[in-house]
């Protein structure tokens, strides 16, 4: 029996916040798959490995649906002891356990489980840079551009076995705050740009866009990620730069948000990056098939369609017109000091993925040929064809 717990423990032991350890972990994944007679293709992206492995039918001249299992090896930095995995009851504890080495391990096992079925092509894509701050040059975008995006993608971000059908957009910006220099012994003669920057951030938090909500989300997310100012301890700083990360709601206009921010005095927004919000309708046949598989595999679990506060690489698939959801095992604490994933949940997650692949053809046969793709909306809200709106809610998590 292939053991997703053993795999997850091994992957956690690599400190994949560092490039050389990402390379080593990718080598392990590649070797594990190849030792089980699964061919792995290796692509390079900015010096880091991207792995692609496929199983299922390959008859020439036949068309089969292609599903992507998408996972990432990289993690945010952690303390040394966090890369020494340990099991406490049902919890596997360690950096990346929840985000998302537990999910990736189960995906690897599920790929082998569905190897011999003959109706769905299943592609595992393992990337090295989902946690990267450079959100303008991602390997997942390159994978999709190579034509490896498939017909539907599941990215294994942590969702507690719910199905993430909607995600906020990203508006990242660099803001320069202007003050007036003075000697530190007479700060009242100056205008401290660093202190002023805090006031600017508080002003952003109180702008009209920040108080808006949607069916899924209570509010946008606003974070001050970095602040830097001053060039001498004995001088009142006259310039300060800060990086602000806004996760805006589907239906909100990022340009309108920027216009509100630009009205704040004494600032210049010098750099921005915008990632659109996305939605996949719950009536999408792939989403319905996944929901059914989770319900069958975990009968005691209430399966919810959820919104995700953070963006993820699922956006790369959606931007190319490929429906994608986030779906991962139970756990908590991602990016925190006590990150963990449920051991039993990894098993249930694996079983759900296998059930999804095996029953997908039945769901697709029930729908029109183009129904799978017409239910995706980028920078907006998808059609609501499924049961009731009461099953849709927001949960924390995701990234970029």
Protein backbone atom coordinates (compact mmCIF):
# COMPACT_ATOMS: atom_id res chain seq x y z
CA UNK A 1 0.00 0.00 0.00
CA UNK A 2 1.38 3.39 -0.99
CA UNK A 3 1.56 5.59 2.09
CA UNK A 4 0.83 9.31 1.72
CA UNK A 5 1.95 9.88 5.33
CA UNK A 6 5.44 8.52 4.66
CA UNK A 7 5.68 10.64 1.53
CA UNK A 8 4.55 13.78 3.34
CA UNK A 9 7.07 13.26 6.13
CA UNK A 10 9.85 12.92 3.60
CA UNK A 11 8.81 16.05 1.70
CA UNK A 12 8.53 18.11 4.89
CA UNK A 13 12.13 17.19 5.74
CA UNK A 14 13.33 19.31 2.80
CA UNK A 15 13.62 23.02 3.62
CA UNK A 16 12.05 24.06 0.35
CA UNK A 17 12.15 27.74 1.21
CA UNK A 18 15.66 27.44 -0.28
CA UNK A 19 16.32 26.85 -3.99
CA UNK A 20 18.83 24.02 -3.49
CA UNK A 21 16.36 22.12 -1.31
CA UNK A 22 13.58 22.62 -3.88
CA UNK A 23 15.86 20.95 -6.43
CA UNK A 24 16.54 18.08 -4.01
CA UNK A 25 12.86 17.61 -3.16
CA UNK A 26 11.92 17.65 -6.86
CA UNK A 27 14.53 14.97 -7.44
CA UNK A 28 12.89 12.85 -4.77
CA UNK A 29 9.41 13.31 -6.29
CA UNK A 30 10.72 12.45 -9.74
CA UNK A 31 12.52 9.36 -8.47
CA UNK A 32 9.49 8.18 -6.50
CA UNK A 33 7.23 8.40 -9.54
CA UNK A 34 9.71 6.88 -11.97
CA UNK A 35 10.34 3.97 -9.60
CA UNK A 36 6.63 3.23 -10.02
CA UNK A 37 6.86 3.30 -13.82
CA UNK A 38 5.35 6.77 -14.21
CA UNK A 39 7.26 8.86 -16.74
CA UNK A 40 8.19 12.35 -15.55
CA UNK A 41 9.07 15.32 -17.72
CA UNK A 42 11.35 17.98 -16.25
CA UNK A 43 11.09 21.63 -17.31
CA UNK A 44 13.29 24.42 -16.02
CA UNK A 45 11.81 27.74 -14.92
CA UNK A 46 14.17 30.43 -13.65
CA UNK A 47 16.61 27.74 -12.58
CA UNK A 48 14.05 25.70 -10.66
CA UNK A 49 12.49 22.34 -11.67
CA UNK A 50 8.91 21.94 -12.85
CA UNK A 51 7.72 18.32 -12.97
CA UNK A 52 4.95 16.96 -15.19
CA UNK A 53 3.75 13.34 -15.04
CA UNK A 54 0.77 11.79 -16.82
CA UNK A 55 -1.22 8.58 -16.57
CA UNK A 56 -4.33 7.24 -18.25
CA UNK A 57 -5.31 6.55 -21.86
CA UNK A 58 -3.05 7.60 -24.70
CA UNK A 59 -4.76 6.12 -27.76
CA UNK A 60 -3.89 8.06 -30.89
CA UNK A 61 -6.88 9.76 -32.50
CA UNK A 62 -9.04 9.49 -29.38
CA UNK A 63 -10.01 12.48 -27.26
CA UNK A 64 -10.16 12.07 -23.49
CA UNK A 65 -10.85 14.62 -20.76
CA UNK A 66 -7.64 15.75 -19.07
CA UNK A 67 -7.58 16.60 -15.37
CA UNK A 68 -4.62 18.34 -13.73
CA UNK A 69 -3.53 17.66 -10.16
CA UNK A 70 -1.50 20.77 -9.35
CA UNK A 71 0.81 21.07 -6.36
CA UNK A 72 3.80 23.07 -5.20
CA UNK A 73 6.95 22.06 -3.38
CA UNK A 74 8.08 25.46 -2.08
CA UNK A 75 7.22 26.76 1.39
CA UNK A 76 7.64 30.00 3.28
CA UNK A 77 10.72 30.09 5.57
CA UNK A 78 10.48 28.33 8.90
CA UNK A 79 12.58 27.48 11.94
CA UNK A 80 14.97 24.52 11.57
CA UNK A 81 12.90 22.29 13.84
CA UNK A 82 9.86 22.78 11.61
CA UNK A 83 11.55 20.67 8.94
CA UNK A 84 11.73 17.73 11.36
CA UNK A 85 8.21 16.29 10.90
CA UNK A 86 6.45 14.66 13.82
CA UNK A 87 3.12 12.94 14.29
CA UNK A 88 0.93 13.78 17.29
CA UNK A 89 -2.27 11.75 17.20
CA UNK A 90 -3.96 12.57 13.88
CA UNK A 91 -1.72 15.56 13.24
CA UNK A 92 1.37 15.59 11.05
CA UNK A 93 3.21 18.70 12.17
CA UNK A 94 5.85 20.57 10.17
CA UNK A 95 6.47 23.40 7.74
CA UNK A 96 4.45 22.82 4.59
CA UNK A 97 2.38 19.98 6.07
CA UNK A 98 -0.86 21.86 5.33
CA UNK A 99 0.42 24.13 2.55
CA UNK A 100 0.77 21.82 0.76
CA UNK A 101 3.06 18.83 1.08
CA UNK A 102 0.32 16.72 2.65
CA UNK A 103 -1.94 17.38 -0.32
CA UNK A 104 0.87 16.87 -2.83
CA UNK A 105 1.77 13.51 -1.28
CA UNK A 106 -1.84 12.33 -1.56
CA UNK A 107 -1.95 13.56 -5.17
CA UNK A 108 1.16 11.52 -5.99
CA UNK A 109 -0.43 8.39 -4.53
CA UNK A 110 -3.75 9.10 -6.28
CA UNK A 111 -1.91 9.44 -9.59
CA UNK A 112 -0.62 5.89 -9.19
CA UNK A 113 -4.06 4.69 -8.06
CA UNK A 114 -5.73 5.84 -11.29
CA UNK A 115 -2.92 4.78 -13.60
CA UNK A 116 -4.79 1.88 -15.16
CA UNK A 117 -8.20 3.49 -15.72
CA UNK A 118 -8.80 4.18 -19.39
CA UNK A 119 -11.21 7.12 -19.69
CA UNK A 120 -9.51 10.17 -18.15
CA UNK A 121 -6.03 11.56 -18.70
CA UNK A 122 -4.59 12.67 -15.36
CA UNK A 123 -1.64 15.06 -15.28
CA UNK A 124 0.34 15.85 -12.13
CA UNK A 125 2.04 19.25 -12.27
CA UNK A 126 4.48 19.99 -9.46
CA UNK A 127 5.83 23.56 -9.37
CA UNK A 128 8.61 25.22 -7.33
CA UNK A 129 7.46 28.83 -6.98
CA UNK A 130 3.87 29.17 -5.79
CA UNK A 131 5.04 31.00 -2.66
CA UNK A 132 7.32 33.36 -4.61
CA UNK A 133 6.88 37.11 -4.17
CA UNK A 134 7.39 37.54 -7.91
CA UNK A 135 3.81 36.98 -8.98
CA UNK A 136 4.43 38.25 -12.52
CA UNK A 137 6.60 35.30 -13.63
CA UNK A 138 5.23 31.99 -12.39
CA UNK A 139 6.03 28.52 -13.62
CA UNK A 140 2.33 27.58 -13.63
CA UNK A 141 1.72 30.29 -16.24
CA UNK A 142 4.51 28.74 -18.32
CA UNK A 143 2.99 25.27 -17.90
CA UNK A 144 -0.37 26.52 -19.17
CA UNK A 145 1.33 28.36 -22.04
CA UNK A 146 2.94 25.03 -23.05
CA UNK A 147 -0.52 23.57 -23.52
CA UNK A 148 -0.37 21.49 -20.35
CA UNK A 149 -3.36 23.06 -18.65
CA UNK A 150 -5.84 20.27 -19.39
CA UNK A 151 -9.61 20.63 -19.20
CA UNK A 152 -9.92 21.10 -15.44
CA UNK A 153 -7.42 21.69 -12.65
CA UNK A 154 -7.39 20.93 -8.95
CA UNK A 155 -4.73 22.80 -7.01
CA UNK A 156 -4.14 21.23 -3.63
CA UNK A 157 -4.17 24.36 -1.49
CA UNK A 158 -5.56 23.81 2.02
CA UNK A 159 -9.37 23.96 2.07
CA UNK A 160 -10.33 21.44 4.76
CA UNK A 161 -11.85 19.18 2.09
CA UNK A 162 -14.16 21.93 0.85
CA UNK A 163 -14.11 23.04 -2.79
CA UNK A 164 -12.75 26.53 -3.43
CA UNK A 165 -14.78 27.89 -6.35
CA UNK A 166 -14.11 31.60 -5.88
CA UNK A 167 -11.05 33.69 -5.00
CA UNK A 168 -10.35 37.32 -4.32
CA UNK A 169 -8.26 39.37 -6.70
CA UNK A 170 -4.87 40.85 -5.85
CA UNK A 171 -3.93 44.53 -5.96
CA UNK A 172 -0.32 44.87 -4.81
CA UNK A 173 1.22 48.32 -4.76
CA UNK A 174 4.32 50.24 -3.77
CA UNK A 175 3.47 53.59 -2.19
CA UNK A 176 5.87 56.48 -1.60
CA UNK A 177 4.97 58.75 1.31
CA UNK A 178 6.46 62.24 1.38
CA UNK A 179 7.36 64.20 4.51
CA UNK A 180 9.77 66.96 5.48
CA UNK A 181 13.31 66.46 6.87
CA UNK A 182 14.50 68.04 10.11
CA UNK A 183 17.07 67.39 12.85
CA UNK A 184 16.05 64.59 15.20
CA UNK A 185 16.44 66.93 18.17
CA UNK A 186 13.62 69.08 16.80
CA UNK A 187 11.21 66.59 15.21
CA UNK A 188 8.35 69.10 15.48
CA UNK A 189 10.04 71.10 12.71
CA UNK A 190 9.75 68.18 10.31
CA UNK A 191 7.05 65.86 8.99
CA UNK A 192 8.05 62.26 9.72
CA UNK A 193 7.31 60.21 6.59
CA UNK A 194 7.50 56.89 8.46
CA UNK A 195 4.88 57.92 11.00
CA UNK A 196 2.88 59.44 8.19
CA UNK A 197 2.97 56.13 6.31
CA UNK A 198 1.15 54.43 9.19
CA UNK A 199 -1.54 57.09 8.99
CA UNK A 200 -1.76 56.54 5.23
CA UNK A 201 -2.28 52.82 5.77
CA UNK A 202 -5.02 53.49 8.32
CA UNK A 203 -6.63 55.82 5.80
CA UNK A 204 -6.58 53.05 3.17
CA UNK A 205 -8.26 50.70 5.65
CA UNK A 206 -11.12 53.19 6.05
CA UNK A 207 -11.77 53.97 2.35
CA UNK A 208 -15.23 53.11 0.94
CA UNK A 209 -14.05 49.99 -0.94
CA UNK A 210 -12.85 48.44 2.33
CA UNK A 211 -16.40 48.33 3.72
CA UNK A 212 -17.94 46.47 0.79
CA UNK A 213 -18.95 42.79 0.98
CA UNK A 214 -20.22 40.04 -1.29
CA UNK A 215 -22.23 36.84 -1.00
CA UNK A 216 -19.07 34.92 -0.19
CA UNK A 217 -16.78 37.45 1.47
CA UNK A 218 -17.35 39.78 4.41
CA UNK A 219 -14.83 42.33 3.18
CA UNK A 220 -11.64 42.84 1.19
CA UNK A 221 -8.31 41.99 2.85
CA UNK A 222 -5.75 44.78 3.35
CA UNK A 223 -2.21 44.16 4.60
CA UNK A 224 0.86 46.33 5.15
CA UNK A 225 3.57 43.90 4.15
CA UNK A 226 6.71 46.02 4.16
CA UNK A 227 7.72 49.52 5.22
CA UNK A 228 11.08 51.24 4.81
CA UNK A 229 12.16 54.82 5.46
CA UNK A 230 14.85 57.05 6.89
CA UNK A 231 18.54 57.23 6.11
CA UNK A 232 20.00 58.49 9.42
CA UNK A 233 19.06 58.07 13.06
CA UNK A 234 19.51 61.79 13.76
CA UNK A 235 17.23 62.94 10.96
CA UNK A 236 13.47 63.12 10.60
CA UNK A 237 12.80 60.92 7.54
CA UNK A 238 11.31 62.80 4.61
CA UNK A 239 10.62 59.73 2.43
CA UNK A 240 9.10 56.34 3.17
CA UNK A 241 8.12 53.40 0.97
CA UNK A 242 5.55 50.81 1.89
CA UNK A 243 4.15 47.74 0.17
CA UNK A 244 0.41 47.24 0.53
CA UNK A 245 -1.41 44.06 -0.48
CA UNK A 246 -5.15 44.33 -1.11
CA UNK A 247 -7.28 41.28 -1.88
CA UNK A 248 -10.35 42.76 -3.54
CA UNK A 249 -13.72 41.17 -4.09
CA UNK A 250 -15.22 39.82 -7.31
CA UNK A 251 -17.19 42.72 -8.72
CA UNK A 252 -14.87 45.39 -7.33
CA UNK A 253 -12.86 47.48 -9.81
CA UNK A 254 -9.13 47.69 -8.90
CA UNK A 255 -8.79 50.92 -10.88
CA UNK A 256 -11.55 52.47 -8.78
CA UNK A 257 -9.72 51.32 -5.64
CA UNK A 258 -6.53 52.97 -6.91
CA UNK A 259 -8.44 56.18 -7.55
CA UNK A 260 -9.63 56.22 -3.94
CA UNK A 261 -6.08 55.66 -2.67
CA UNK A 262 -4.62 58.33 -4.97
CA UNK A 263 -6.77 60.98 -3.25
CA UNK A 264 -4.82 60.52 0.00
CA UNK A 265 -2.47 63.54 0.34
CA UNK A 266 1.33 63.39 0.12
CA UNK A 267 1.65 59.98 -1.55
CA UNK A 268 2.52 58.52 -4.94
CA UNK A 269 1.55 55.00 -6.01
CA UNK A 270 4.68 54.11 -7.98
CA UNK A 271 4.12 50.45 -8.82
CA UNK A 272 1.12 48.15 -8.99
CA UNK A 273 0.34 44.56 -9.87
CA UNK A 274 -3.21 43.35 -10.43
CA UNK A 275 -4.41 39.73 -10.38
CA UNK A 276 -8.12 39.36 -11.23
CA UNK A 277 -10.64 37.63 -8.99
CA UNK A 278 -12.14 34.45 -10.40
CA UNK A 279 -15.14 32.19 -9.99
CA UNK A 280 -16.19 28.77 -11.22
CA UNK A 281 -19.90 27.96 -11.16
CA UNK A 282 -20.97 25.19 -8.83
CA UNK A 283 -22.97 23.79 -11.76
CA UNK A 284 -19.78 23.07 -13.69
CA UNK A 285 -19.80 19.29 -14.34
CA UNK A 286 -16.22 18.89 -13.12
CA UNK A 287 -17.11 20.67 -9.88
CA UNK A 288 -20.22 18.53 -9.53
CA UNK A 289 -18.20 15.37 -10.11
CA UNK A 290 -15.66 16.41 -7.47
CA UNK A 291 -18.37 17.31 -5.00
CA UNK A 292 -20.04 13.94 -5.53
CA UNK A 293 -16.73 12.11 -5.10
CA UNK A 294 -16.02 13.88 -1.80
CA UNK A 295 -19.53 13.12 -0.56
CA UNK A 296 -19.15 9.44 -1.45
CA UNK A 297 -15.65 9.16 0.02
CA UNK A 298 -16.44 11.10 3.19
CA UNK A 299 -20.14 10.56 3.95
CA UNK A 300 -19.87 12.28 7.34
CA UNK A 301 -18.45 15.47 5.78
CA UNK A 302 -20.61 18.43 4.77
CA UNK A 303 -19.12 19.39 1.42
CA UNK A 304 -19.19 23.14 0.91
CA UNK A 305 -18.38 25.33 -2.05
CA UNK A 306 -16.20 28.06 -0.56
CA UNK A 307 -14.48 31.31 -1.39
CA UNK A 308 -10.77 31.77 -0.80
CA UNK A 309 -9.35 34.96 0.69
CA UNK A 310 -5.98 34.37 -0.95
CA UNK A 311 -5.15 33.94 -4.60
CA UNK A 312 -3.30 30.87 -5.83
CA UNK A 313 -1.93 29.31 -9.00
CA UNK A 314 -5.51 28.30 -9.85
CA UNK A 315 -5.77 31.78 -11.36
CA UNK A 316 -3.25 30.82 -14.07
CA UNK A 317 -5.58 28.08 -15.31
CA UNK A 318 -8.69 30.24 -15.09
CA UNK A 319 -7.06 33.10 -16.97
CA UNK A 320 -6.55 30.64 -19.85
CA UNK A 321 -10.21 29.62 -19.76
CA UNK A 322 -9.58 26.38 -17.86
CA UNK A 323 -11.91 25.82 -14.88
CA UNK A 324 -9.89 25.30 -11.70
CA UNK A 325 -10.64 24.89 -8.02
CA UNK A 326 -8.66 24.73 -4.82
CA UNK A 327 -9.17 21.53 -2.89
CA UNK A 328 -6.97 20.18 -0.12
CA UNK A 329 -7.02 18.20 3.14
CA UNK A 330 -7.86 19.22 6.70
CA UNK A 331 -5.36 21.02 8.88
CA UNK A 332 -4.43 24.45 10.17
CA UNK A 333 -1.63 26.92 10.78
CA UNK A 334 -0.20 27.34 7.29
CA UNK A 335 2.65 29.87 7.27
CA UNK A 336 2.54 29.76 11.08
CA UNK A 337 4.70 28.14 13.78
CA UNK A 338 2.42 25.15 14.44
CA UNK A 339 1.38 24.10 10.95
CA UNK A 340 -0.24 20.66 10.71
CA UNK A 341 -2.27 18.44 8.41
CA UNK A 342 -4.69 15.72 9.43
CA UNK A 343 -3.26 12.26 8.71
CA UNK A 344 -6.70 10.69 8.23
CA UNK A 345 -7.71 13.63 6.04
CA UNK A 346 -4.84 12.96 3.63
CA UNK A 347 -6.23 9.45 3.14
CA UNK A 348 -9.73 10.79 2.59
CA UNK A 349 -8.39 13.41 0.21
CA UNK A 350 -6.59 10.77 -1.84
CA UNK A 351 -9.74 8.64 -1.94
CA UNK A 352 -11.79 11.64 -3.11
CA UNK A 353 -9.38 12.38 -5.96
CA UNK A 354 -9.48 8.77 -7.12
CA UNK A 355 -13.28 8.69 -6.94
CA UNK A 356 -13.46 11.94 -8.89
CA UNK A 357 -11.37 10.57 -11.75
CA UNK A 358 -13.27 7.29 -11.92
CA UNK A 359 -16.75 8.87 -11.96
CA UNK A 360 -15.96 11.96 -14.06
CA UNK A 361 -16.91 10.40 -17.44
CA UNK A 362 -20.42 9.74 -16.14
CA UNK A 363 -20.84 13.40 -15.17
CA UNK A 364 -19.49 14.67 -18.47
CA UNK A 365 -21.86 12.42 -20.41
CA UNK A 366 -24.76 14.15 -18.66
CA UNK A 367 -23.80 17.59 -19.99
CA UNK A 368 -23.38 19.33 -23.32
CA UNK A 369 -19.83 19.17 -24.73
CA UNK A 370 -19.10 22.81 -23.98
CA UNK A 371 -20.78 23.03 -20.59
CA UNK A 372 -17.55 22.53 -18.68
CA UNK A 373 -15.98 25.73 -19.94
CA UNK A 374 -18.89 28.17 -20.10
CA UNK A 375 -19.20 28.38 -16.34
CA UNK A 376 -15.96 30.22 -15.59
CA UNK A 377 -15.71 33.92 -14.95
CA UNK A 378 -12.51 35.91 -14.54
CA UNK A 379 -12.91 39.31 -12.84
CA UNK A 380 -16.50 38.56 -11.95
CA UNK A 381 -18.89 36.01 -10.54
CA UNK A 382 -19.72 32.67 -12.16
CA UNK A 383 -23.20 31.31 -12.84
CA UNK A 384 -24.93 29.74 -9.88
CA UNK A 385 -26.50 26.61 -11.39
CA UNK A 386 -26.25 24.29 -8.44
CA UNK A 387 -28.30 23.65 -5.34
CA UNK A 388 -28.59 26.56 -2.87
CA UNK A 389 -26.59 29.63 -2.05
CA UNK A 390 -26.48 28.57 1.57
CA UNK A 391 -23.66 26.13 0.78
CA UNK A 392 -21.28 28.89 -0.27
CA UNK A 393 -19.03 30.62 2.24
CA UNK A 394 -15.56 32.08 2.59
CA UNK A 395 -12.61 30.50 4.35
CA UNK A 396 -9.14 31.77 5.13
CA UNK A 397 -6.08 30.71 3.20
CA UNK A 398 -4.46 30.68 -0.19
CA UNK A 399 -1.57 32.83 -1.19
CA UNK A 400 0.26 35.17 -3.53
